[in-house]
């Protein structure tokens, strides 16, 4: 027996509901608890953004603006690229402040993009490789090592997320249950 095919209109409705249900934490990728408060930027009452990603984006745009304005020579671009790589790799090994570990590499990459084709190619390769490595690693879903809520399931950092997911699942299950049986 095969499962009935979901009508395209219902699939779109489910996708829209999923986006709305998870919109408040989609760009945070950190627990929403008190110990991680410094890793997340609150925007308004609901939206949360990852501080590191926000700083990287801000640095990239600042570097792009500086590069477009100054039109730096190739040497500057190569130096900026080297600084970006150094700060980026160092932040993988040590806990650097977000300004050094995210904003500086972003600014260096943005500046390198306007400094001649060797530096721009290097910056694009670094951005592409970083994106691939980040996607390959994925979101860390294991418990926080130093959390006092190790036995809680879910911990306070994920309560709102789990509550939204369960509500989403209930609504979708009801929609699927109400599908006409003749759809096959």
N, C-alpha and C. Protein backbone atom coordinates (compact mmCIF):
# COMPACT_ATOMS: atom_id res chain seq x y z
N UNK A 1 0.85 -1.18 0.00
CA UNK A 1 0.00 0.00 0.00
C UNK A 1 0.88 1.24 0.00
N UNK A 2 0.60 2.14 -0.90
CA UNK A 2 1.38 3.37 -0.98
C UNK A 2 0.65 4.50 -0.28
N UNK A 3 1.42 5.43 0.22
CA UNK A 3 0.84 6.60 0.89
C UNK A 3 0.21 7.50 -0.16
N UNK A 4 -0.89 8.15 0.20
CA UNK A 4 -1.52 9.05 -0.76
C UNK A 4 -0.61 10.24 -1.05
N UNK A 5 -0.68 10.72 -2.27
CA UNK A 5 0.10 11.89 -2.67
C UNK A 5 -0.53 13.13 -2.08
N UNK A 6 0.31 13.99 -1.55
CA UNK A 6 -0.19 15.23 -0.94
C UNK A 6 -0.42 16.24 -2.06
N UNK A 7 -1.61 16.82 -2.11
CA UNK A 7 -1.86 17.83 -3.15
C UNK A 7 -0.86 18.99 -3.02
N UNK A 8 -0.49 19.55 -4.16
CA UNK A 8 0.50 20.63 -4.20
C UNK A 8 0.08 21.82 -3.33
N UNK A 9 -1.20 22.16 -3.33
CA UNK A 9 -1.66 23.30 -2.52
C UNK A 9 -1.45 23.03 -1.03
N UNK A 10 -1.70 21.79 -0.59
CA UNK A 10 -1.48 21.45 0.82
C UNK A 10 0.01 21.44 1.14
N UNK A 11 0.83 20.96 0.24
CA UNK A 11 2.28 20.96 0.47
C UNK A 11 2.79 22.39 0.64
N UNK A 12 2.30 23.31 -0.19
CA UNK A 12 2.71 24.72 -0.05
C UNK A 12 2.23 25.29 1.28
N UNK A 13 1.02 24.91 1.68
CA UNK A 13 0.48 25.38 2.96
C UNK A 13 1.32 24.88 4.13
N UNK A 14 1.74 23.61 4.06
CA UNK A 14 2.60 23.04 5.11
C UNK A 14 3.95 23.76 5.14
N UNK A 15 4.53 24.04 3.98
CA UNK A 15 5.81 24.76 3.92
C UNK A 15 5.69 26.15 4.54
N UNK A 16 4.61 26.86 4.22
CA UNK A 16 4.41 28.21 4.79
C UNK A 16 4.28 28.14 6.31
N UNK A 17 3.53 27.16 6.79
CA UNK A 17 3.36 27.00 8.24
C UNK A 17 4.69 26.68 8.90
N UNK A 18 5.50 25.84 8.27
CA UNK A 18 6.80 25.49 8.83
C UNK A 18 7.70 26.72 8.93
N UNK A 19 7.73 27.52 7.85
CA UNK A 19 8.56 28.74 7.89
C UNK A 19 8.11 29.67 9.01
N UNK A 20 6.81 29.84 9.17
CA UNK A 20 6.31 30.73 10.23
C UNK A 20 6.59 30.16 11.61
N UNK A 21 6.43 28.86 11.77
CA UNK A 21 6.64 28.24 13.08
C UNK A 21 8.08 28.36 13.56
N UNK A 22 9.01 28.33 12.63
CA UNK A 22 10.42 28.33 13.00
C UNK A 22 11.12 29.65 12.71
N UNK A 23 10.39 30.67 12.34
CA UNK A 23 11.00 31.95 11.95
C UNK A 23 11.75 32.61 13.11
N UNK A 24 11.28 32.45 14.34
CA UNK A 24 11.89 33.19 15.46
C UNK A 24 13.29 32.69 15.80
N UNK A 25 13.64 31.46 15.44
CA UNK A 25 14.96 30.94 15.79
C UNK A 25 15.76 30.46 14.59
N UNK A 26 15.24 30.61 13.40
CA UNK A 26 15.87 30.08 12.19
C UNK A 26 17.31 30.56 12.04
N UNK A 27 17.59 31.79 12.36
CA UNK A 27 18.92 32.35 12.15
C UNK A 27 19.71 32.49 13.45
N UNK A 28 19.31 31.79 14.48
CA UNK A 28 20.02 31.88 15.76
C UNK A 28 21.02 30.73 15.92
N UNK A 29 20.67 29.54 15.52
CA UNK A 29 21.41 28.30 15.70
C UNK A 29 22.23 28.21 16.99
N UNK A 30 21.65 28.67 18.06
CA UNK A 30 22.16 28.51 19.42
C UNK A 30 20.96 28.27 20.32
N UNK A 31 21.17 27.59 21.46
CA UNK A 31 20.04 27.46 22.39
C UNK A 31 19.57 28.85 22.84
N UNK A 32 18.30 28.97 23.14
CA UNK A 32 17.73 30.26 23.52
C UNK A 32 17.65 30.41 25.03
N UNK A 33 18.64 29.88 25.75
CA UNK A 33 18.64 29.93 27.21
C UNK A 33 19.57 31.05 27.71
N UNK A 34 19.56 31.25 28.99
CA UNK A 34 20.34 32.31 29.62
C UNK A 34 21.85 32.18 29.39
N UNK A 35 22.46 30.99 29.52
CA UNK A 35 23.91 30.90 29.29
C UNK A 35 24.34 31.29 27.88
N UNK A 36 23.46 31.15 26.89
CA UNK A 36 23.80 31.49 25.51
C UNK A 36 23.28 32.88 25.12
N UNK A 37 22.83 33.64 26.06
CA UNK A 37 22.28 34.96 25.76
C UNK A 37 23.28 35.84 25.00
N UNK A 38 24.55 35.72 25.31
CA UNK A 38 25.58 36.52 24.65
C UNK A 38 25.88 36.09 23.22
N UNK A 39 25.41 34.93 22.80
CA UNK A 39 25.66 34.42 21.46
C UNK A 39 24.55 34.78 20.48
N UNK A 40 23.47 35.34 21.01
CA UNK A 40 22.28 35.60 20.19
C UNK A 40 21.90 37.07 20.31
N UNK A 41 21.52 37.67 19.19
CA UNK A 41 21.05 39.05 19.18
C UNK A 41 19.52 39.01 19.06
N UNK A 42 18.85 39.65 20.00
CA UNK A 42 17.38 39.73 19.92
C UNK A 42 16.99 40.93 19.08
N UNK A 43 16.07 40.70 18.16
CA UNK A 43 15.53 41.77 17.33
C UNK A 43 14.02 41.76 17.58
N UNK A 44 13.55 42.77 18.27
CA UNK A 44 12.13 42.80 18.60
C UNK A 44 11.79 41.76 19.66
N UNK A 45 10.53 41.37 19.69
CA UNK A 45 10.08 40.41 20.70
C UNK A 45 10.39 38.97 20.32
N UNK A 46 10.42 38.66 19.03
CA UNK A 46 10.50 37.27 18.61
C UNK A 46 11.80 36.87 17.94
N UNK A 47 12.29 37.66 17.01
CA UNK A 47 13.40 37.25 16.15
C UNK A 47 14.72 37.18 16.90
N UNK A 48 15.48 36.11 16.65
CA UNK A 48 16.81 35.92 17.22
C UNK A 48 17.79 35.69 16.06
N UNK A 49 18.97 36.31 16.17
CA UNK A 49 20.01 36.15 15.16
C UNK A 49 21.29 35.69 15.83
N UNK A 50 22.06 34.88 15.14
CA UNK A 50 23.36 34.46 15.64
C UNK A 50 24.29 35.67 15.60
N UNK A 51 24.95 35.94 16.72
CA UNK A 51 25.85 37.08 16.80
C UNK A 51 27.05 36.92 15.87
N UNK A 52 27.63 35.71 15.80
CA UNK A 52 28.78 35.48 14.94
C UNK A 52 28.44 35.67 13.47
N UNK A 53 27.32 35.12 13.04
CA UNK A 53 26.92 35.27 11.62
C UNK A 53 26.59 36.73 11.31
N UNK A 54 25.96 37.41 12.26
CA UNK A 54 25.64 38.83 12.05
C UNK A 54 26.91 39.66 11.92
N UNK A 55 27.91 39.38 12.77
CA UNK A 55 29.16 40.11 12.69
C UNK A 55 29.92 39.79 11.40
N UNK A 56 29.91 38.53 10.97
CA UNK A 56 30.56 38.16 9.73
C UNK A 56 29.92 38.90 8.55
N UNK A 57 28.60 38.94 8.53
CA UNK A 57 27.88 39.64 7.46
C UNK A 57 28.17 41.14 7.50
N UNK A 58 28.14 41.72 8.69
CA UNK A 58 28.44 43.15 8.82
C UNK A 58 29.87 43.45 8.36
N UNK A 59 30.83 42.60 8.74
CA UNK A 59 32.21 42.79 8.31
C UNK A 59 32.35 42.66 6.81
N UNK A 60 31.65 41.69 6.22
CA UNK A 60 31.71 41.51 4.77
C UNK A 60 31.18 42.75 4.05
N UNK A 61 30.04 43.27 4.51
CA UNK A 61 29.49 44.47 3.88
C UNK A 61 30.39 45.69 4.10
N UNK A 62 30.99 45.80 5.29
CA UNK A 62 31.91 46.91 5.55
C UNK A 62 33.13 46.81 4.65
N UNK A 63 33.67 45.59 4.48
CA UNK A 63 34.80 45.40 3.59
C UNK A 63 34.45 45.67 2.13
N UNK A 64 33.26 45.25 1.72
CA UNK A 64 32.81 45.54 0.35
C UNK A 64 32.67 47.04 0.13
N UNK A 65 32.10 47.75 1.11
CA UNK A 65 31.94 49.20 0.99
C UNK A 65 33.30 49.89 0.95
N UNK A 66 34.20 49.46 1.81
CA UNK A 66 35.55 50.06 1.82
C UNK A 66 36.28 49.76 0.51
N UNK A 67 36.16 48.54 0.02
CA UNK A 67 36.81 48.18 -1.24
C UNK A 67 36.25 48.94 -2.42
N UNK A 68 34.94 49.10 -2.46
CA UNK A 68 34.31 49.84 -3.57
C UNK A 68 34.70 51.31 -3.52
N UNK A 69 34.85 51.84 -2.32
CA UNK A 69 35.19 53.25 -2.16
C UNK A 69 36.67 53.51 -2.42
N UNK A 70 37.54 52.71 -1.82
CA UNK A 70 38.98 52.95 -1.87
C UNK A 70 39.67 52.36 -3.09
N UNK A 71 39.09 51.31 -3.67
CA UNK A 71 39.74 50.59 -4.78
C UNK A 71 41.20 50.29 -4.42
N UNK A 72 41.40 49.45 -3.40
CA UNK A 72 42.77 49.21 -2.91
C UNK A 72 43.63 48.45 -3.91
N UNK A 73 44.93 48.63 -3.84
CA UNK A 73 45.83 47.88 -4.72
C UNK A 73 45.86 46.40 -4.31
N UNK A 74 46.39 45.59 -5.19
CA UNK A 74 46.42 44.14 -4.98
C UNK A 74 47.11 43.77 -3.67
N UNK A 75 48.16 44.48 -3.32
CA UNK A 75 48.90 44.17 -2.08
C UNK A 75 47.97 44.27 -0.87
N UNK A 76 47.15 45.31 -0.83
CA UNK A 76 46.20 45.46 0.29
C UNK A 76 45.24 44.29 0.33
N UNK A 77 44.77 43.90 -0.83
CA UNK A 77 43.82 42.79 -0.90
C UNK A 77 44.43 41.50 -0.41
N UNK A 78 45.69 41.24 -0.80
CA UNK A 78 46.35 40.02 -0.35
C UNK A 78 46.60 40.06 1.15
N UNK A 79 46.97 41.23 1.67
CA UNK A 79 47.15 41.37 3.12
C UNK A 79 45.81 41.17 3.84
N UNK A 80 44.76 41.78 3.31
CA UNK A 80 43.43 41.63 3.91
C UNK A 80 43.00 40.17 3.89
N UNK A 81 43.28 39.48 2.80
CA UNK A 81 42.94 38.06 2.69
C UNK A 81 43.73 37.24 3.71
N UNK A 82 45.00 37.54 3.87
CA UNK A 82 45.83 36.83 4.85
C UNK A 82 45.33 37.08 6.27
N UNK A 83 44.97 38.32 6.57
CA UNK A 83 44.44 38.64 7.90
C UNK A 83 43.12 37.90 8.12
N UNK A 84 42.27 37.89 7.10
CA UNK A 84 40.98 37.20 7.21
C UNK A 84 41.19 35.71 7.47
N UNK A 85 42.10 35.11 6.71
CA UNK A 85 42.37 33.68 6.91
C UNK A 85 42.96 33.41 8.29
N UNK A 86 43.91 34.25 8.69
CA UNK A 86 44.52 34.06 10.01
C UNK A 86 43.51 34.19 11.13
N UNK A 87 42.70 35.23 11.09
CA UNK A 87 41.70 35.42 12.14
C UNK A 87 40.65 34.31 12.11
N UNK A 88 40.27 33.89 10.90
CA UNK A 88 39.28 32.82 10.79
C UNK A 88 39.79 31.49 11.34
N UNK A 89 41.02 31.12 10.96
CA UNK A 89 41.58 29.87 11.47
C UNK A 89 41.85 29.94 12.97
N UNK A 90 42.32 31.09 13.43
CA UNK A 90 42.60 31.22 14.85
C UNK A 90 41.31 31.11 15.66
N UNK A 91 40.20 31.63 15.13
CA UNK A 91 38.94 31.56 15.86
C UNK A 91 38.42 30.13 15.93
N UNK A 92 38.87 29.23 15.05
CA UNK A 92 38.49 27.83 15.15
C UNK A 92 39.19 27.14 16.31
N UNK A 93 40.38 27.61 16.64
CA UNK A 93 41.17 26.98 17.70
C UNK A 93 40.96 27.61 19.08
N UNK A 94 40.77 28.91 19.12
CA UNK A 94 40.64 29.62 20.39
C UNK A 94 39.33 30.40 20.40
N UNK A 95 38.86 30.72 21.55
CA UNK A 95 37.62 31.46 21.70
C UNK A 95 37.93 32.95 21.60
N UNK A 96 37.86 33.49 20.38
CA UNK A 96 38.13 34.91 20.16
C UNK A 96 36.85 35.72 20.31
N UNK A 97 36.97 36.99 20.67
CA UNK A 97 35.78 37.84 20.65
C UNK A 97 35.22 37.90 19.23
N UNK A 98 33.92 38.06 19.12
CA UNK A 98 33.27 38.04 17.80
C UNK A 98 33.81 39.13 16.87
N UNK A 99 34.25 40.25 17.43
CA UNK A 99 34.82 41.30 16.58
C UNK A 99 36.06 40.81 15.86
N UNK A 100 36.89 40.04 16.53
CA UNK A 100 38.12 39.54 15.92
C UNK A 100 37.88 38.28 15.09
N UNK A 101 37.06 37.39 15.59
CA UNK A 101 36.87 36.10 14.95
C UNK A 101 35.86 36.08 13.83
N UNK A 102 35.00 37.08 13.73
CA UNK A 102 33.98 37.09 12.67
C UNK A 102 33.98 38.40 11.87
N UNK A 103 33.97 39.54 12.55
CA UNK A 103 33.91 40.83 11.86
C UNK A 103 35.17 41.08 11.03
N UNK A 104 36.34 40.84 11.62
CA UNK A 104 37.60 41.07 10.92
C UNK A 104 37.76 40.18 9.69
N UNK A 105 37.53 38.85 9.78
CA UNK A 105 37.62 38.05 8.56
C UNK A 105 36.62 38.48 7.49
N UNK A 106 35.41 38.84 7.89
CA UNK A 106 34.43 39.31 6.91
C UNK A 106 34.89 40.57 6.21
N UNK A 107 35.43 41.51 6.98
CA UNK A 107 35.91 42.76 6.39
C UNK A 107 37.10 42.50 5.46
N UNK A 108 38.00 41.60 5.87
CA UNK A 108 39.14 41.27 5.02
C UNK A 108 38.72 40.63 3.71
N UNK A 109 37.76 39.73 3.77
CA UNK A 109 37.28 39.09 2.55
C UNK A 109 36.58 40.09 1.64
N UNK A 110 35.77 40.97 2.24
CA UNK A 110 35.08 41.98 1.45
C UNK A 110 36.05 42.93 0.76
N UNK A 111 37.08 43.35 1.48
CA UNK A 111 38.09 44.23 0.90
C UNK A 111 38.88 43.53 -0.20
N UNK A 112 39.20 42.25 0.02
CA UNK A 112 39.97 41.49 -0.97
C UNK A 112 39.21 41.35 -2.29
N UNK A 113 37.90 41.34 -2.23
CA UNK A 113 37.11 41.20 -3.46
C UNK A 113 37.29 42.36 -4.44
N UNK A 114 37.73 43.51 -3.93
CA UNK A 114 37.91 44.69 -4.78
C UNK A 114 39.38 45.01 -5.05
N UNK A 115 40.28 44.07 -4.81
CA UNK A 115 41.72 44.37 -4.88
C UNK A 115 42.44 43.72 -6.04
N UNK A 116 41.76 43.30 -7.02
CA UNK A 116 42.41 42.63 -8.15
C UNK A 116 42.02 41.17 -8.17
N UNK A 117 42.13 40.56 -9.34
CA UNK A 117 41.59 39.21 -9.49
C UNK A 117 42.25 38.15 -8.63
N UNK A 118 43.57 38.17 -8.33
CA UNK A 118 44.11 37.10 -7.48
C UNK A 118 43.51 37.12 -6.06
N UNK A 119 43.41 38.32 -5.49
CA UNK A 119 42.84 38.43 -4.15
C UNK A 119 41.35 38.12 -4.17
N UNK A 120 40.65 38.58 -5.21
CA UNK A 120 39.21 38.31 -5.32
C UNK A 120 38.95 36.82 -5.47
N UNK A 121 39.75 36.16 -6.30
CA UNK A 121 39.60 34.72 -6.47
C UNK A 121 39.86 33.99 -5.16
N UNK A 122 40.90 34.40 -4.45
CA UNK A 122 41.19 33.81 -3.14
C UNK A 122 40.05 34.01 -2.16
N UNK A 123 39.49 35.23 -2.14
CA UNK A 123 38.38 35.52 -1.23
C UNK A 123 37.17 34.67 -1.58
N UNK A 124 36.86 34.53 -2.87
CA UNK A 124 35.72 33.72 -3.28
C UNK A 124 35.92 32.24 -2.93
N UNK A 125 37.15 31.76 -3.11
CA UNK A 125 37.45 30.38 -2.73
C UNK A 125 37.30 30.17 -1.22
N UNK A 126 37.78 31.13 -0.44
CA UNK A 126 37.66 31.03 1.02
C UNK A 126 36.19 31.06 1.43
N UNK A 127 35.41 31.97 0.85
CA UNK A 127 33.98 32.04 1.18
C UNK A 127 33.27 30.74 0.80
N UNK A 128 33.56 30.23 -0.39
CA UNK A 128 32.92 28.98 -0.83
C UNK A 128 33.30 27.80 0.04
N UNK A 129 34.59 27.65 0.32
CA UNK A 129 35.05 26.54 1.16
C UNK A 129 34.48 26.65 2.56
N UNK A 130 34.43 27.86 3.11
CA UNK A 130 33.88 28.06 4.46
C UNK A 130 32.41 27.67 4.48
N UNK A 131 31.68 28.08 3.47
CA UNK A 131 30.26 27.73 3.41
C UNK A 131 30.04 26.24 3.31
N UNK A 132 30.84 25.57 2.48
CA UNK A 132 30.71 24.11 2.34
C UNK A 132 31.06 23.39 3.64
N UNK A 133 32.15 23.83 4.29
CA UNK A 133 32.54 23.20 5.55
C UNK A 133 31.48 23.41 6.63
N UNK A 134 30.90 24.61 6.67
CA UNK A 134 29.87 24.89 7.67
C UNK A 134 28.64 24.02 7.41
N UNK A 135 28.21 23.91 6.16
CA UNK A 135 27.04 23.09 5.84
C UNK A 135 27.31 21.62 6.11
N UNK A 136 28.54 21.17 5.86
CA UNK A 136 28.89 19.78 6.11
C UNK A 136 28.87 19.45 7.61
N UNK A 137 29.36 20.39 8.40
CA UNK A 137 29.37 20.18 9.85
C UNK A 137 27.96 20.16 10.40
N UNK A 138 27.11 21.04 9.90
CA UNK A 138 25.72 21.08 10.34
C UNK A 138 25.57 21.74 11.70
N UNK A 139 24.35 21.82 12.14
CA UNK A 139 24.03 22.43 13.42
C UNK A 139 24.34 21.44 14.54
N UNK A 140 24.99 21.90 15.59
CA UNK A 140 25.31 21.05 16.74
C UNK A 140 24.04 20.86 17.56
N UNK A 141 23.62 19.62 17.72
CA UNK A 141 22.39 19.34 18.45
C UNK A 141 22.65 18.58 19.75
N UNK A 142 23.93 18.37 20.09
CA UNK A 142 24.21 17.67 21.33
C UNK A 142 24.03 18.61 22.52
N UNK A 143 23.95 18.02 23.68
CA UNK A 143 23.76 18.80 24.90
C UNK A 143 25.00 19.65 25.20
N UNK A 144 24.76 20.78 25.79
CA UNK A 144 25.87 21.66 26.19
C UNK A 144 26.66 20.96 27.30
N UNK A 145 27.96 20.95 27.18
CA UNK A 145 28.80 20.20 28.13
C UNK A 145 28.73 20.74 29.55
N UNK A 146 28.59 22.05 29.70
CA UNK A 146 28.63 22.64 31.04
C UNK A 146 27.24 23.02 31.54
N UNK A 147 26.21 22.55 30.87
CA UNK A 147 24.85 22.94 31.22
C UNK A 147 24.40 22.29 32.53
N UNK A 148 23.76 23.08 33.36
CA UNK A 148 23.22 22.55 34.62
C UNK A 148 21.93 21.78 34.38
N UNK A 149 21.39 21.84 33.19
CA UNK A 149 20.14 21.17 32.87
C UNK A 149 20.37 19.91 32.04
N UNK A 150 21.46 19.20 32.30
CA UNK A 150 21.80 18.00 31.52
C UNK A 150 20.68 16.97 31.51
N UNK A 151 19.95 16.84 32.60
CA UNK A 151 18.91 15.81 32.67
C UNK A 151 17.56 16.29 32.13
N UNK A 152 17.40 17.58 31.93
CA UNK A 152 16.13 18.10 31.42
C UNK A 152 15.94 17.71 29.96
N UNK A 153 14.73 17.37 29.62
CA UNK A 153 14.45 17.00 28.24
C UNK A 153 13.13 17.62 27.80
N UNK A 154 13.10 18.66 27.03
CA UNK A 154 14.25 19.42 26.55
C UNK A 154 14.71 20.44 27.59
N UNK A 155 15.92 20.94 27.42
CA UNK A 155 16.42 21.97 28.34
C UNK A 155 15.73 23.30 28.02
N UNK A 156 15.91 24.27 28.87
CA UNK A 156 15.21 25.56 28.70
C UNK A 156 15.58 26.27 27.41
N UNK A 157 16.75 25.97 26.86
CA UNK A 157 17.16 26.60 25.61
C UNK A 157 16.39 26.12 24.39
N UNK A 158 15.74 24.97 24.52
CA UNK A 158 15.01 24.40 23.39
C UNK A 158 13.51 24.24 23.65
N UNK A 159 13.03 24.65 24.81
CA UNK A 159 11.61 24.46 25.14
C UNK A 159 10.70 25.13 24.11
N UNK A 160 10.96 26.38 23.79
CA UNK A 160 10.10 27.10 22.83
C UNK A 160 10.16 26.46 21.45
N UNK A 161 11.34 26.03 21.06
CA UNK A 161 11.52 25.42 19.74
C UNK A 161 10.75 24.10 19.67
N UNK A 162 10.89 23.27 20.70
CA UNK A 162 10.19 21.98 20.73
C UNK A 162 8.68 22.19 20.80
N UNK A 163 8.24 23.17 21.57
CA UNK A 163 6.80 23.46 21.67
C UNK A 163 6.24 23.85 20.30
N UNK A 164 6.97 24.71 19.58
CA UNK A 164 6.52 25.11 18.23
C UNK A 164 6.49 23.92 17.28
N UNK A 165 7.52 23.06 17.36
CA UNK A 165 7.58 21.91 16.47
C UNK A 165 6.43 20.94 16.74
N UNK A 166 6.11 20.71 18.01
CA UNK A 166 5.00 19.81 18.33
C UNK A 166 3.67 20.38 17.88
N UNK A 167 3.48 21.68 18.04
CA UNK A 167 2.25 22.32 17.57
C UNK A 167 2.16 22.22 16.04
N UNK A 168 3.25 22.44 15.36
CA UNK A 168 3.29 22.31 13.90
C UNK A 168 2.92 20.88 13.50
N UNK A 169 3.49 19.89 14.17
CA UNK A 169 3.20 18.50 13.84
C UNK A 169 1.73 18.15 14.06
N UNK A 170 1.14 18.68 15.13
CA UNK A 170 -0.28 18.41 15.39
C UNK A 170 -1.15 18.96 14.27
N UNK A 171 -0.89 20.20 13.85
CA UNK A 171 -1.70 20.82 12.80
C UNK A 171 -1.55 20.06 11.49
N UNK A 172 -0.31 19.72 11.12
CA UNK A 172 -0.07 19.02 9.86
C UNK A 172 -0.71 17.62 9.91
N UNK A 173 -0.60 16.95 11.04
CA UNK A 173 -1.23 15.62 11.16
C UNK A 173 -2.74 15.73 10.96
N UNK A 174 -3.35 16.76 11.50
CA UNK A 174 -4.80 16.96 11.32
C UNK A 174 -5.12 17.22 9.85
N UNK A 175 -4.31 18.06 9.20
CA UNK A 175 -4.54 18.33 7.77
C UNK A 175 -4.42 17.05 6.95
N UNK A 176 -3.42 16.23 7.25
CA UNK A 176 -3.22 15.00 6.50
C UNK A 176 -4.33 13.97 6.80
N UNK A 177 -4.77 13.94 8.02
CA UNK A 177 -5.85 13.04 8.40
C UNK A 177 -7.14 13.39 7.67
N UNK A 178 -7.37 14.68 7.45
CA UNK A 178 -8.58 15.14 6.79
C UNK A 178 -8.52 15.06 5.27
N UNK A 179 -7.40 14.58 4.73
CA UNK A 179 -7.30 14.42 3.27
C UNK A 179 -8.32 13.39 2.80
N UNK A 180 -8.96 13.63 1.67
CA UNK A 180 -9.88 12.61 1.14
C UNK A 180 -9.11 11.33 0.80
N UNK A 181 -9.67 10.19 1.10
CA UNK A 181 -9.01 8.89 0.88
C UNK A 181 -8.88 8.57 -0.61
N UNK A 182 -9.65 9.23 -1.44
CA UNK A 182 -9.61 8.93 -2.86
C UNK A 182 -8.37 9.51 -3.56
N UNK A 183 -7.66 10.40 -2.85
CA UNK A 183 -6.43 10.97 -3.43
C UNK A 183 -5.34 9.91 -3.35
N UNK A 184 -4.88 9.41 -4.48
CA UNK A 184 -3.86 8.37 -4.47
C UNK A 184 -2.89 8.54 -5.61
